[in-house]
């Protein structure tokens, strides 16, 4: 079995190059013999990374359908997200947040046929 059959040399070179860049950048911290610490401004900035990533992944999924913003309020996704968000700020429990959001989403989506 030839994995590269039908693949041009440029594609193989790009794959190998990206692999090497990934290995070098991820092993940089292991190569150094000195302890390396992030500056305070970088540590502060990294505190916002999870919420930024969550917003970048989840918000478009909630507010858009097939690349277009929702045109109706009858969409079960945003209802589930609002209920889940409210439960999280009320109880600060991730499992309860997921369960509450899904309990709001599923009946609307399955029984009322909201998008």
PDB file of N, CA and C in Angstrom:
ATOM      1  N   UNK A   1       0.850  -1.169   0.000  1.00  0.00           N
ATOM      2  CA  UNK A   1       0.000   0.000   0.000  1.00  0.00           C
ATOM      3  C   UNK A   1       0.902   1.240   0.000  1.00  0.00           C
ATOM      4  N   UNK A   2       0.719   2.099  -0.968  1.00  0.00           N
ATOM      5  CA  UNK A   2       1.523   3.304  -1.102  1.00  0.00           C
ATOM      6  C   UNK A   2       0.672   4.510  -0.685  1.00  0.00           C
ATOM      7  N   UNK A   3       1.021   5.134   0.428  1.00  0.00           N
ATOM      8  CA  UNK A   3       0.236   6.257   0.940  1.00  0.00           C
ATOM      9  C   UNK A   3       0.378   7.503   0.083  1.00  0.00           C
ATOM     10  N   UNK A   4       1.493   7.608  -0.621  1.00  0.00           N
ATOM     11  CA  UNK A   4       1.748   8.819  -1.394  1.00  0.00           C
ATOM     12  C   UNK A   4       1.432   8.661  -2.874  1.00  0.00           C
ATOM     13  N   UNK A   5       0.741   7.610  -3.258  1.00  0.00           N
ATOM     14  CA  UNK A   5       0.397   7.419  -4.662  1.00  0.00           C
ATOM     15  C   UNK A   5      -0.540   8.544  -5.101  1.00  0.00           C
ATOM     16  N   UNK A   6      -0.181   9.206  -6.173  1.00  0.00           N
ATOM     17  CA  UNK A   6      -1.009  10.286  -6.690  1.00  0.00           C
ATOM     18  C   UNK A   6      -0.799  11.617  -5.986  1.00  0.00           C
ATOM     19  N   UNK A   7       0.150  11.690  -5.048  1.00  0.00           N
ATOM     20  CA  UNK A   7       0.433  12.925  -4.327  1.00  0.00           C
ATOM     21  C   UNK A   7       1.689  13.558  -4.921  1.00  0.00           C
ATOM     22  N   UNK A   8       1.638  14.833  -5.217  1.00  0.00           N
ATOM     23  CA  UNK A   8       2.802  15.478  -5.819  1.00  0.00           C
ATOM     24  C   UNK A   8       3.857  15.797  -4.751  1.00  0.00           C
ATOM     25  N   UNK A   9       5.042  16.096  -5.208  1.00  0.00           N
ATOM     26  CA  UNK A   9       6.180  16.344  -4.324  1.00  0.00           C
ATOM     27  C   UNK A   9       5.945  17.568  -3.443  1.00  0.00           C
ATOM     28  N   UNK A  10       5.289  18.597  -3.964  1.00  0.00           N
ATOM     29  CA  UNK A  10       5.032  19.825  -3.197  1.00  0.00           C
ATOM     30  C   UNK A  10       4.188  19.517  -1.959  1.00  0.00           C
ATOM     31  N   UNK A  11       3.153  18.710  -2.098  1.00  0.00           N
ATOM     32  CA  UNK A  11       2.287  18.352  -0.971  1.00  0.00           C
ATOM     33  C   UNK A  11       3.063  17.586   0.087  1.00  0.00           C
ATOM     34  N   UNK A  12       3.886  16.644  -0.337  1.00  0.00           N
ATOM     35  CA  UNK A  12       4.706  15.876   0.608  1.00  0.00           C
ATOM     36  C   UNK A  12       5.684  16.799   1.330  1.00  0.00           C
ATOM     37  N   UNK A  13       6.301  17.738   0.604  1.00  0.00           N
ATOM     38  CA  UNK A  13       7.244  18.679   1.219  1.00  0.00           C
ATOM     39  C   UNK A  13       6.554  19.562   2.247  1.00  0.00           C
ATOM     40  N   UNK A  14       5.346  20.014   1.956  1.00  0.00           N
ATOM     41  CA  UNK A  14       4.601  20.843   2.902  1.00  0.00           C
ATOM     42  C   UNK A  14       4.261  20.041   4.162  1.00  0.00           C
ATOM     43  N   UNK A  15       3.838  18.803   4.001  1.00  0.00           N
ATOM     44  CA  UNK A  15       3.512  17.949   5.158  1.00  0.00           C
ATOM     45  C   UNK A  15       4.746  17.723   6.017  1.00  0.00           C
ATOM     46  N   UNK A  16       5.875  17.410   5.390  1.00  0.00           N
ATOM     47  CA  UNK A  16       7.117  17.193   6.139  1.00  0.00           C
ATOM     48  C   UNK A  16       7.554  18.481   6.825  1.00  0.00           C
ATOM     49  N   UNK A  17       7.480  19.608   6.119  1.00  0.00           N
ATOM     50  CA  UNK A  17       7.862  20.893   6.711  1.00  0.00           C
ATOM     51  C   UNK A  17       7.010  21.262   7.907  1.00  0.00           C
ATOM     52  N   UNK A  18       5.699  21.108   7.790  1.00  0.00           N
ATOM     53  CA  UNK A  18       4.805  21.410   8.921  1.00  0.00           C
ATOM     54  C   UNK A  18       5.059  20.474  10.096  1.00  0.00           C
ATOM     55  N   UNK A  19       5.374  19.223   9.794  1.00  0.00           N
ATOM     56  CA  UNK A  19       5.695  18.276  10.866  1.00  0.00           C
ATOM     57  C   UNK A  19       6.948  18.707  11.614  1.00  0.00           C
ATOM     58  N   UNK A  20       7.981  19.109  10.881  1.00  0.00           N
ATOM     59  CA  UNK A  20       9.219  19.549  11.522  1.00  0.00           C
ATOM     60  C   UNK A  20       9.015  20.818  12.351  1.00  0.00           C
ATOM     61  N   UNK A  21       8.269  21.765  11.817  1.00  0.00           N
ATOM     62  CA  UNK A  21       8.000  23.000  12.564  1.00  0.00           C
ATOM     63  C   UNK A  21       7.234  22.681  13.853  1.00  0.00           C
ATOM     64  N   UNK A  22       6.272  21.786  13.774  1.00  0.00           N
ATOM     65  CA  UNK A  22       5.508  21.406  14.961  1.00  0.00           C
ATOM     66  C   UNK A  22       6.397  20.735  15.998  1.00  0.00           C
ATOM     67  N   UNK A  23       7.241  19.827  15.564  1.00  0.00           N
ATOM     68  CA  UNK A  23       8.130  19.122  16.502  1.00  0.00           C
ATOM     69  C   UNK A  23       9.092  20.100  17.164  1.00  0.00           C
ATOM     70  N   UNK A  24       9.680  20.990  16.393  1.00  0.00           N
ATOM     71  CA  UNK A  24      10.645  21.938  16.950  1.00  0.00           C
ATOM     72  C   UNK A  24       9.976  22.889  17.936  1.00  0.00           C
ATOM     73  N   UNK A  25       8.827  23.440  17.582  1.00  0.00           N
ATOM     74  CA  UNK A  25       8.186  24.404  18.478  1.00  0.00           C
ATOM     75  C   UNK A  25       7.654  23.744  19.742  1.00  0.00           C
ATOM     76  N   UNK A  26       7.216  22.515  19.658  1.00  0.00           N
ATOM     77  CA  UNK A  26       6.701  21.850  20.858  1.00  0.00           C
ATOM     78  C   UNK A  26       7.811  21.315  21.750  1.00  0.00           C
ATOM     79  N   UNK A  27       8.977  21.047  21.186  1.00  0.00           N
ATOM     80  CA  UNK A  27      10.065  20.523  22.004  1.00  0.00           C
ATOM     81  C   UNK A  27      11.002  21.622  22.487  1.00  0.00           C
ATOM     82  N   UNK A  28      10.769  22.864  22.099  1.00  0.00           N
ATOM     83  CA  UNK A  28      11.617  23.983  22.500  1.00  0.00           C
ATOM     84  C   UNK A  28      11.756  24.073  24.012  1.00  0.00           C
ATOM     85  N   UNK A  29      10.686  23.829  24.742  1.00  0.00           N
ATOM     86  CA  UNK A  29      10.715  23.945  26.195  1.00  0.00           C
ATOM     87  C   UNK A  29      11.513  22.808  26.849  1.00  0.00           C
ATOM     88  N   UNK A  30      11.625  21.675  26.169  1.00  0.00           N
ATOM     89  CA  UNK A  30      12.387  20.550  26.697  1.00  0.00           C
ATOM     90  C   UNK A  30      13.877  20.684  26.396  1.00  0.00           C
ATOM     91  N   UNK A  31      14.219  21.392  25.333  1.00  0.00           N
ATOM     92  CA  UNK A  31      15.617  21.536  24.927  1.00  0.00           C
ATOM     93  C   UNK A  31      16.381  22.440  25.892  1.00  0.00           C
ATOM     94  N   UNK A  32      15.739  23.484  26.359  1.00  0.00           N
ATOM     95  CA  UNK A  32      16.392  24.451  27.235  1.00  0.00           C
ATOM     96  C   UNK A  32      16.687  23.833  28.598  1.00  0.00           C
ATOM     97  N   UNK A  33      17.891  24.112  29.121  1.00  0.00           N
ATOM     98  CA  UNK A  33      18.250  23.584  30.433  1.00  0.00           C
ATOM     99  C   UNK A  33      17.838  24.524  31.568  1.00  0.00           C
ATOM    100  N   UNK A  34      17.501  25.755  31.221  1.00  0.00           N
ATOM    101  CA  UNK A  34      17.090  26.723  32.238  1.00  0.00           C
ATOM    102  C   UNK A  34      15.570  26.731  32.383  1.00  0.00           C
ATOM    103  N   UNK A  35      15.128  27.082  33.596  1.00  0.00           N
ATOM    104  CA  UNK A  35      13.697  27.212  33.825  1.00  0.00           C
ATOM    105  C   UNK A  35      13.205  28.451  33.085  1.00  0.00           C
ATOM    106  N   UNK A  36      12.092  28.296  32.418  1.00  0.00           N
ATOM    107  CA  UNK A  36      11.569  29.380  31.588  1.00  0.00           C
ATOM    108  C   UNK A  36      10.205  29.785  32.132  1.00  0.00           C
ATOM    109  N   UNK A  37      10.016  31.057  32.434  1.00  0.00           N
ATOM    110  CA  UNK A  37       8.732  31.529  32.935  1.00  0.00           C
ATOM    111  C   UNK A  37       8.171  32.580  31.992  1.00  0.00           C
ATOM    112  N   UNK A  38       6.888  32.607  31.919  1.00  0.00           N
ATOM    113  CA  UNK A  38       6.213  33.613  31.103  1.00  0.00           C
ATOM    114  C   UNK A  38       6.195  34.948  31.834  1.00  0.00           C
ATOM    115  N   UNK A  39       6.283  36.047  31.086  1.00  0.00           N
ATOM    116  CA  UNK A  39       6.129  37.350  31.736  1.00  0.00           C
ATOM    117  C   UNK A  39       4.701  37.508  32.272  1.00  0.00           C
ATOM    118  N   UNK A  40       4.526  38.424  33.199  1.00  0.00           N
ATOM    119  CA  UNK A  40       3.220  38.616  33.838  1.00  0.00           C
ATOM    120  C   UNK A  40       2.145  38.965  32.821  1.00  0.00           C
ATOM    121  N   UNK A  41       2.482  39.795  31.824  1.00  0.00           N
ATOM    122  CA  UNK A  41       1.485  40.187  30.835  1.00  0.00           C
ATOM    123  C   UNK A  41       1.025  38.989  30.001  1.00  0.00           C
ATOM    124  N   UNK A  42       1.924  38.045  29.722  1.00  0.00           N
ATOM    125  CA  UNK A  42       1.555  36.857  28.962  1.00  0.00           C
ATOM    126  C   UNK A  42       0.687  35.915  29.805  1.00  0.00           C
ATOM    127  N   UNK A  43       1.013  35.787  31.095  1.00  0.00           N
ATOM    128  CA  UNK A  43       0.191  34.957  31.973  1.00  0.00           C
ATOM    129  C   UNK A  43      -1.223  35.529  32.097  1.00  0.00           C
ATOM    130  N   UNK A  44      -1.323  36.858  32.219  1.00  0.00           N
ATOM    131  CA  UNK A  44      -2.639  37.495  32.272  1.00  0.00           C
ATOM    132  C   UNK A  44      -3.417  37.250  30.984  1.00  0.00           C
ATOM    133  N   UNK A  45      -2.728  37.367  29.868  1.00  0.00           N
ATOM    134  CA  UNK A  45      -3.383  37.145  28.579  1.00  0.00           C
ATOM    135  C   UNK A  45      -3.865  35.718  28.400  1.00  0.00           C
ATOM    136  N   UNK A  46      -3.092  34.758  28.882  1.00  0.00           N
ATOM    137  CA  UNK A  46      -3.482  33.357  28.757  1.00  0.00           C
ATOM    138  C   UNK A  46      -4.690  32.998  29.618  1.00  0.00           C
ATOM    139  N   UNK A  47      -4.992  33.812  30.613  1.00  0.00           N
ATOM    140  CA  UNK A  47      -6.184  33.555  31.417  1.00  0.00           C
ATOM    141  C   UNK A  47      -7.450  33.707  30.577  1.00  0.00           C
ATOM    142  N   UNK A  48      -7.381  34.514  29.519  1.00  0.00           N
ATOM    143  CA  UNK A  48      -8.554  34.749  28.675  1.00  0.00           C
ATOM    144  C   UNK A  48      -8.625  33.804  27.481  1.00  0.00           C
ATOM    145  N   UNK A  49      -7.629  32.968  27.289  1.00  0.00           N
ATOM    146  CA  UNK A  49      -7.597  32.069  26.137  1.00  0.00           C
ATOM    147  C   UNK A  49      -8.762  31.071  26.122  1.00  0.00           C
ATOM    148  N   UNK A  50      -9.105  30.422  27.227  1.00  0.00           N
ATOM    149  CA  UNK A  50     -10.210  29.460  27.157  1.00  0.00           C
ATOM    150  C   UNK A  50     -11.543  30.093  26.780  1.00  0.00           C
ATOM    151  N   UNK A  51     -11.862  31.248  27.339  1.00  0.00           N
ATOM    152  CA  UNK A  51     -13.140  31.874  27.010  1.00  0.00           C
ATOM    153  C   UNK A  51     -13.138  32.394  25.577  1.00  0.00           C
ATOM    154  N   UNK A  52     -11.979  32.851  25.100  1.00  0.00           N
ATOM    155  CA  UNK A  52     -11.890  33.304  23.711  1.00  0.00           C
ATOM    156  C   UNK A  52     -12.071  32.130  22.751  1.00  0.00           C
ATOM    157  N   UNK A  53     -11.456  31.007  23.059  1.00  0.00           N
ATOM    158  CA  UNK A  53     -11.603  29.820  22.214  1.00  0.00           C
ATOM    159  C   UNK A  53     -13.040  29.312  22.245  1.00  0.00           C
ATOM    160  N   UNK A  54     -13.645  29.310  23.415  1.00  0.00           N
ATOM    161  CA  UNK A  54     -15.026  28.877  23.535  1.00  0.00           C
ATOM    162  C   UNK A  54     -15.953  29.772  22.718  1.00  0.00           C
ATOM    163  N   UNK A  55     -15.750  31.071  22.817  1.00  0.00           N
ATOM    164  CA  UNK A  55     -16.577  32.002  22.053  1.00  0.00           C
ATOM    165  C   UNK A  55     -16.365  31.810  20.553  1.00  0.00           C
ATOM    166  N   UNK A  56     -15.141  31.567  20.126  1.00  0.00           N
ATOM    167  CA  UNK A  56     -14.860  31.403  18.705  1.00  0.00           C
ATOM    168  C   UNK A  56     -15.469  30.129  18.131  1.00  0.00           C
ATOM    169  N   UNK A  57     -15.618  29.112  18.951  1.00  0.00           N
ATOM    170  CA  UNK A  57     -16.163  27.847  18.468  1.00  0.00           C
ATOM    171  C   UNK A  57     -17.673  27.770  18.677  1.00  0.00           C
ATOM    172  N   UNK A  58     -18.150  28.172  19.838  1.00  0.00           N
ATOM    173  CA  UNK A  58     -19.546  27.951  20.195  1.00  0.00           C
ATOM    174  C   UNK A  58     -20.480  29.032  19.642  1.00  0.00           C
ATOM    175  N   UNK A  59     -20.109  30.280  19.741  1.00  0.00           N
ATOM    176  CA  UNK A  59     -21.019  31.352  19.310  1.00  0.00           C
ATOM    177  C   UNK A  59     -21.442  31.254  17.845  1.00  0.00           C
ATOM    178  N   UNK A  60     -20.533  31.000  16.903  1.00  0.00           N
ATOM    179  CA  UNK A  60     -21.012  30.841  15.523  1.00  0.00           C
ATOM    180  C   UNK A  60     -21.959  29.660  15.363  1.00  0.00           C
ATOM    181  N   UNK A  61     -21.732  28.601  16.128  1.00  0.00           N
ATOM    182  CA  UNK A  61     -22.627  27.444  16.037  1.00  0.00           C
ATOM    183  C   UNK A  61     -24.023  27.766  16.564  1.00  0.00           C
ATOM    184  N   UNK A  62     -24.099  28.637  17.553  1.00  0.00           N
ATOM    185  CA  UNK A  62     -25.392  28.997  18.137  1.00  0.00           C
ATOM    186  C   UNK A  62     -26.119  30.032  17.290  1.00  0.00           C
ATOM    187  N   UNK A  63     -25.394  31.017  16.797  1.00  0.00           N
ATOM    188  CA  UNK A  63     -26.019  32.164  16.145  1.00  0.00           C
ATOM    189  C   UNK A  63     -26.126  32.055  14.633  1.00  0.00           C
ATOM    190  N   UNK A  64     -25.500  31.051  14.028  1.00  0.00           N
ATOM    191  CA  UNK A  64     -25.508  30.944  12.575  1.00  0.00           C
ATOM    192  C   UNK A  64     -25.957  29.570  12.130  1.00  0.00           C
ATOM    193  N   UNK A  65     -26.545  29.545  10.930  1.00  0.00           N
ATOM    194  CA  UNK A  65     -26.936  28.279  10.328  1.00  0.00           C
ATOM    195  C   UNK A  65     -26.551  28.344   8.851  1.00  0.00           C
ATOM    196  N   UNK A  66     -25.702  27.448   8.411  1.00  0.00           N
ATOM    197  CA  UNK A  66     -25.210  27.380   7.042  1.00  0.00           C
ATOM    198  C   UNK A  66     -24.591  28.701   6.595  1.00  0.00           C
ATOM    199  N   UNK A  67     -23.820  29.319   7.483  1.00  0.00           N
ATOM    200  CA  UNK A  67     -23.103  30.534   7.146  1.00  0.00           C
ATOM    201  C   UNK A  67     -23.919  31.818   7.213  1.00  0.00           C
ATOM    202  N   UNK A  68     -25.165  31.738   7.589  1.00  0.00           N
ATOM    203  CA  UNK A  68     -26.038  32.915   7.679  1.00  0.00           C
ATOM    204  C   UNK A  68     -26.525  33.075   9.112  1.00  0.00           C
ATOM    205  N   UNK A  69     -26.666  34.336   9.554  1.00  0.00           N
ATOM    206  CA  UNK A  69     -27.217  34.556  10.881  1.00  0.00           C
ATOM    207  C   UNK A  69     -28.663  34.072  10.924  1.00  0.00           C
ATOM    208  N   UNK A  70     -29.103  33.656  12.098  1.00  0.00           N
ATOM    209  CA  UNK A  70     -30.463  33.152  12.248  1.00  0.00           C
ATOM    210  C   UNK A  70     -31.478  34.237  11.895  1.00  0.00           C
ATOM    211  N   UNK A  71     -32.506  33.836  11.199  1.00  0.00           N
ATOM    212  CA  UNK A  71     -33.542  34.784  10.797  1.00  0.00           C
ATOM    213  C   UNK A  71     -34.808  34.641  11.637  1.00  0.00           C
ATOM    214  N   UNK A  72     -34.812  33.696  12.555  1.00  0.00           N
ATOM    215  CA  UNK A  72     -35.989  33.465  13.389  1.00  0.00           C
ATOM    216  C   UNK A  72     -35.560  33.251  14.833  1.00  0.00           C
ATOM    217  N   UNK A  73     -36.421  33.572  15.746  1.00  0.00           N
ATOM    218  CA  UNK A  73     -36.131  33.339  17.157  1.00  0.00           C
ATOM    219  C   UNK A  73     -36.466  31.905  17.545  1.00  0.00           C
ATOM    220  N   UNK A  74     -37.103  31.146  16.664  1.00  0.00           N
ATOM    221  CA  UNK A  74     -37.501  29.769  16.970  1.00  0.00           C
ATOM    222  C   UNK A  74     -36.361  28.801  16.642  1.00  0.00           C
ATOM    223  N   UNK A  75     -35.273  28.954  17.352  1.00  0.00           N
ATOM    224  CA  UNK A  75     -34.126  28.076  17.192  1.00  0.00           C
ATOM    225  C   UNK A  75     -33.744  27.547  18.564  1.00  0.00           C
ATOM    226  N   UNK A  76     -33.719  26.245  18.689  1.00  0.00           N
ATOM    227  CA  UNK A  76     -33.499  25.612  19.989  1.00  0.00           C
ATOM    228  C   UNK A  76     -32.074  25.800  20.501  1.00  0.00           C
ATOM    229  N   UNK A  77     -31.125  26.061  19.616  1.00  0.00           N
ATOM    230  CA  UNK A  77     -29.729  26.176  20.046  1.00  0.00           C
ATOM    231  C   UNK A  77     -29.516  27.366  20.967  1.00  0.00           C
ATOM    232  N   UNK A  78     -30.055  28.514  20.605  1.00  0.00           N
ATOM    233  CA  UNK A  78     -29.807  29.680  21.459  1.00  0.00           C
ATOM    234  C   UNK A  78     -30.572  29.567  22.765  1.00  0.00           C
ATOM    235  N   UNK A  79     -31.719  28.929  22.764  1.00  0.00           N
ATOM    236  CA  UNK A  79     -32.467  28.726  24.017  1.00  0.00           C
ATOM    237  C   UNK A  79     -31.660  27.835  24.959  1.00  0.00           C
ATOM    238  N   UNK A  80     -31.113  26.738  24.427  1.00  0.00           N
ATOM    239  CA  UNK A  80     -30.277  25.854  25.239  1.00  0.00           C
ATOM    240  C   UNK A  80     -29.038  26.562  25.764  1.00  0.00           C
ATOM    241  N   UNK A  81     -28.449  27.419  24.946  1.00  0.00           N
ATOM    242  CA  UNK A  81     -27.254  28.154  25.375  1.00  0.00           C
ATOM    243  C   UNK A  81     -27.587  29.158  26.475  1.00  0.00           C
ATOM    244  N   UNK A  82     -28.703  29.851  26.351  1.00  0.00           N
ATOM    245  CA  UNK A  82     -29.101  30.824  27.374  1.00  0.00           C
ATOM    246  C   UNK A  82     -29.414  30.118  28.690  1.00  0.00           C
ATOM    247  N   UNK A  83     -30.156  29.012  28.619  1.00  0.00           N
ATOM    248  CA  UNK A  83     -30.474  28.259  29.833  1.00  0.00           C
ATOM    249  C   UNK A  83     -29.193  27.707  30.457  1.00  0.00           C
ATOM    250  N   UNK A  84     -28.313  27.141  29.636  1.00  0.00           N
ATOM    251  CA  UNK A  84     -27.052  26.619  30.157  1.00  0.00           C
ATOM    252  C   UNK A  84     -26.209  27.706  30.790  1.00  0.00           C
ATOM    253  N   UNK A  85     -26.127  28.860  30.149  1.00  0.00           N
ATOM    254  CA  UNK A  85     -25.363  29.975  30.707  1.00  0.00           C
ATOM    255  C   UNK A  85     -25.926  30.459  32.031  1.00  0.00           C
ATOM    256  N   UNK A  86     -27.260  30.550  32.098  1.00  0.00           N
ATOM    257  CA  UNK A  86     -27.897  30.991  33.342  1.00  0.00           C
ATOM    258  C   UNK A  86     -27.641  30.001  34.475  1.00  0.00           C
ATOM    259  N   UNK A  87     -27.733  28.707  34.167  1.00  0.00           N
ATOM    260  CA  UNK A  87     -27.486  27.690  35.190  1.00  0.00           C
ATOM    261  C   UNK A  87     -26.034  27.733  35.635  1.00  0.00           C
ATOM    262  N   UNK A  88     -25.108  27.962  34.700  1.00  0.00           N
ATOM    263  CA  UNK A  88     -23.705  28.016  35.096  1.00  0.00           C
ATOM    264  C   UNK A  88     -23.451  29.194  36.039  1.00  0.00           C
ATOM    265  N   UNK A  89     -23.968  30.364  35.717  1.00  0.00           N
ATOM    266  CA  UNK A  89     -23.732  31.517  36.581  1.00  0.00           C
ATOM    267  C   UNK A  89     -24.463  31.390  37.917  1.00  0.00           C
ATOM    268  N   UNK A  90     -25.522  30.582  37.939  1.00  0.00           N
ATOM    269  CA  UNK A  90     -26.265  30.381  39.180  1.00  0.00           C
ATOM    270  C   UNK A  90     -25.558  29.363  40.076  1.00  0.00           C
ATOM    271  N   UNK A  91     -25.122  28.217  39.499  1.00  0.00           N
ATOM    272  CA  UNK A  91     -24.586  27.123  40.316  1.00  0.00           C
ATOM    273  C   UNK A  91     -23.085  26.889  40.164  1.00  0.00           C
ATOM    274  N   UNK A  92     -22.462  27.387  39.105  1.00  0.00           N
ATOM    275  CA  UNK A  92     -21.028  27.176  38.832  1.00  0.00           C
ATOM    276  C   UNK A  92     -20.674  25.685  38.754  1.00  0.00           C
ATOM    277  N   UNK A  93     -21.545  24.921  38.107  1.00  0.00           N
ATOM    278  CA  UNK A  93     -21.357  23.475  37.982  1.00  0.00           C
ATOM    279  C   UNK A  93     -21.442  23.124  36.496  1.00  0.00           C
ATOM    280  N   UNK A  94     -20.349  22.643  35.921  1.00  0.00           N
ATOM    281  CA  UNK A  94     -20.295  22.394  34.480  1.00  0.00           C
ATOM    282  C   UNK A  94     -21.238  21.268  34.077  1.00  0.00           C
ATOM    283  N   UNK A  95     -21.277  20.187  34.838  1.00  0.00           N
ATOM    284  CA  UNK A  95     -22.158  19.072  34.496  1.00  0.00           C
ATOM    285  C   UNK A  95     -23.623  19.502  34.532  1.00  0.00           C
ATOM    286  N   UNK A  96     -24.011  20.243  35.557  1.00  0.00           N
ATOM    287  CA  UNK A  96     -25.386  20.741  35.642  1.00  0.00           C
ATOM    288  C   UNK A  96     -25.687  21.697  34.492  1.00  0.00           C
ATOM    289  N   UNK A  97     -24.711  22.476  34.074  1.00  0.00           N
ATOM    290  CA  UNK A  97     -24.879  23.385  32.943  1.00  0.00           C
ATOM    291  C   UNK A  97     -25.193  22.611  31.670  1.00  0.00           C
ATOM    292  N   UNK A  98     -24.424  21.557  31.411  1.00  0.00           N
ATOM    293  CA  UNK A  98     -24.639  20.752  30.204  1.00  0.00           C
ATOM    294  C   UNK A  98     -26.000  20.084  30.242  1.00  0.00           C
ATOM    295  N   UNK A  99     -26.348  19.509  31.377  1.00  0.00           N
ATOM    296  CA  UNK A  99     -27.637  18.818  31.504  1.00  0.00           C
ATOM    297  C   UNK A  99     -28.796  19.804  31.321  1.00  0.00           C
ATOM    298  N   UNK A 100     -28.722  20.957  31.953  1.00  0.00           N
ATOM    299  CA  UNK A 100     -29.801  21.939  31.846  1.00  0.00           C
ATOM    300  C   UNK A 100     -29.921  22.469  30.421  1.00  0.00           C
ATOM    301  N   UNK A 101     -28.792  22.754  29.787  1.00  0.00           N
ATOM    302  CA  UNK A 101     -28.835  23.229  28.409  1.00  0.00           C
ATOM    303  C   UNK A 101     -29.440  22.202  27.470  1.00  0.00           C
ATOM    304  N   UNK A 102     -29.079  20.938  27.648  1.00  0.00           N
ATOM    305  CA  UNK A 102     -29.638  19.886  26.798  1.00  0.00           C
ATOM    306  C   UNK A 102     -31.110  19.627  27.098  1.00  0.00           C
ATOM    307  N   UNK A 103     -31.501  19.766  28.379  1.00  0.00           N
ATOM    308  CA  UNK A 103     -32.921  19.609  28.721  1.00  0.00           C
ATOM    309  C   UNK A 103     -33.768  20.726  28.125  1.00  0.00           C
ATOM    310  N   UNK A 104     -33.186  21.883  27.921  1.00  0.00           N
ATOM    311  CA  UNK A 104     -33.907  22.972  27.257  1.00  0.00           C
ATOM    312  C   UNK A 104     -33.892  22.775  25.744  1.00  0.00           C
ATOM    313  N   UNK A 105     -32.784  22.299  25.215  1.00  0.00           N
ATOM    314  CA  UNK A 105     -32.615  22.170  23.763  1.00  0.00           C
ATOM    315  C   UNK A 105     -33.420  21.009  23.168  1.00  0.00           C
ATOM    316  N   UNK A 106     -33.292  19.829  23.748  1.00  0.00           N
ATOM    317  CA  UNK A 106     -33.856  18.627  23.124  1.00  0.00           C
ATOM    318  C   UNK A 106     -35.371  18.656  22.919  1.00  0.00           C
ATOM    319  N   UNK A 107     -36.174  19.041  23.907  1.00  0.00           N
ATOM    320  CA  UNK A 107     -37.614  19.057  23.630  1.00  0.00           C
ATOM    321  C   UNK A 107     -37.991  20.031  22.511  1.00  0.00           C
ATOM    322  N   UNK A 108     -37.357  21.192  22.483  1.00  0.00           N
ATOM    323  CA  UNK A 108     -37.652  22.158  21.428  1.00  0.00           C
ATOM    324  C   UNK A 108     -37.230  21.632  20.061  1.00  0.00           C
ATOM    325  N   UNK A 109     -36.087  20.992  20.021  1.00  0.00           N
ATOM    326  CA  UNK A 109     -35.562  20.510  18.752  1.00  0.00           C
ATOM    327  C   UNK A 109     -36.305  19.263  18.263  1.00  0.00           C
ATOM    328  N   UNK A 110     -36.568  18.335  19.162  1.00  0.00           N
ATOM    329  CA  UNK A 110     -37.164  17.061  18.752  1.00  0.00           C
ATOM    330  C   UNK A 110     -38.676  17.121  18.628  1.00  0.00           C
ATOM    331  N   UNK A 111     -39.349  17.704  19.606  1.00  0.00           N
ATOM    332  CA  UNK A 111     -40.811  17.644  19.628  1.00  0.00           C
ATOM    333  C   UNK A 111     -41.468  18.833  18.924  1.00  0.00           C
ATOM    334  N   UNK A 112     -40.885  20.005  19.057  1.00  0.00           N
ATOM    335  CA  UNK A 112     -41.464  21.177  18.396  1.00  0.00           C
ATOM    336  C   UNK A 112     -40.823  21.445  17.037  1.00  0.00           C
ATOM    337  N   UNK A 113     -39.808  20.661  16.700  1.00  0.00           N
ATOM    338  CA  UNK A 113     -39.110  20.750  15.420  1.00  0.00           C
ATOM    339  C   UNK A 113     -38.491  22.108  15.169  1.00  0.00           C
ATOM    340  N   UNK A 114     -38.044  22.773  16.257  1.00  0.00           N
ATOM    341  CA  UNK A 114     -37.265  23.997  16.062  1.00  0.00           C
ATOM    342  C   UNK A 114     -35.927  23.598  15.480  1.00  0.00           C
ATOM    343  N   UNK A 115     -35.300  24.480  14.777  1.00  0.00           N
ATOM    344  CA  UNK A 115     -34.016  24.161  14.130  1.00  0.00           C
ATOM    345  C   UNK A 115     -32.976  23.750  15.138  1.00  0.00           C
TER     346      UNK A 115
END
